[in-house]
Every structure is written in structure tokens, then in C-alpha cells.
Amino acid sequence: EMGEGGGTNRAVYFRPTDGSPATLIGEGEGNSLSHDGRWAISRAVRAKGALTVLPTGVGTPRKLEPEGLRGELRGRFFPDGRRLVIDESLPGEATRVFTVPIEGGKPIPLGRPGFTLPDFGSPVSPDGRSVALLDPEGKAVVCPVDGGPAAPLPGIEPGEIPMQWTADGRFLYACRGGSLPAKIFKIELETGRRELVREIVLSDAAGVASLERVQITPDGSFVAYAYRRNLASLSVVSGLK
């Protein structure tokens, strides 16, 4: 939560999809949820060179400070929950992507300078062998974790964000962030064939500035999204003739 409700340091909540209340689990900006739902990654608003692993239930928060990194970090879980893929941004330098163990250790570079994590979604493939990233031109690429060269992702258009793999690893969902209505496509990696599977249309779009984040389950059956609504400029006027 941001703004007045989140406080100076912002707040991270864990909310089940069954309608039960959200639970405050820590401070910062929530980046990623582990596949088993037991842990979340939080990025502190002002601190650099560190992430926090937050338990969603019983457990103790752990600060993760990857060796040698001193910039602003964002992180996403690998399916096994034992590693993260992170990116680091430093003023005046190209963003770099790394993989790093949850328990600590030296980060391993992934891809070339200028690659970044998508702004939302789960970019790691189900087998943990590949990561979908964005190149310096904003085009989607897939990077092998073993250090091989990155390859373009056919079928994903410039400006679209690769957001989720299907469970069999044959398809990626992609969405263009920011604009509404938002269209989610399912793209076959081998052929680049695109299929429109979801379209997010708000029943009340008054004051909506942008679509902030979109998540979709691997089977495509559920979608979660957040949008920014600005009502500061709206006024109620009465007595006009």
C-alpha cells in the first residue's frame, strides 16, 4: 500500500483470493510471491543494495544483501523458492540482471548490461532454466540461466511485457502495461502465434490514469490487476444554470 495508508515506508500486505482480510506482513514495496505462497520479497523504498524476504505466515523476516551490489534492487522468485532473479539500477549506469541464492552468496550476471526485469509478473520459466527479460530497447528476450546468449521472443511486440509462463513452458502471457483496456495475449514460443485470452475493461474509468500491474495464473483462469485513479482534479458543482 502506498500513499497515506502505507505510511512513509509503504506497507506490504498478503491477501488471500477467498475474500478474507489482508494481513500486514512488513514494510516496503512487494516485488514477488514464492510459488508455495510462504514468502514474499520486499524492496525498501529508500535503502539500496538490499531486499527483505518476508514470511506470509509464521517465520522471521530475512534481509538479503547480495555481495557487491549497491544500487536499487528488485527481485522475483525462482519456482524452487531457493533463488531469486534480481536487477540492479545505479544512476548513470546500465541496469544489470543477476541470479542469487536466497541464503546468500555472490550474484551471477544474467544477460548483458541494459537488460531489466519486467515491471510485473513471473519471468522465470517453470523448469528454472530460462528468464524472460526486456532488452535496452524494451523488446522481450529469453535468457538461459546457464549463461548462454539471449534470444528474441517471437510474437511479443515492442512495449508488451512478458508476465507469466504456462506450466508446460510452451507459452508466455504478455500484456501492454499502462493503457486501458488492457489486452493479454497467450504466445506460443516456438511459432510466435498470438491468441487474445483476456481484455481488462473497467466499468468506471473516471480518473483512471494507468494500469499499474497485471498478474495471471499459468492456466489463464484468474487475473489480478491494479490501477491508479486520480480524483484530485474532480469537483462537484451545484446551482449551475
Foldseek 3Di string as FASTA:
>chain_A
DDDPVQPPFGWDWDDDPPPDDIDTFGGAQWFEAAPVRQWTWHFTPPAFQWIWITGNDDDDIDIARAPPGGAGKGWYAQNVRQKIWMWGDDPPFFIWIWMAGPVYDHTHTWADGNKHAFLEAHQAANVRQWGWIAHNQQFIWITGPVHDHIGGQAQADRQWHFHYAANVRQWTWIWRWWDPQIWIWIAGRVPSDIDTDDTRHDPDCAQWGTWRYKYADNVRPDIDTDTDGDCPPDDDDDDDD
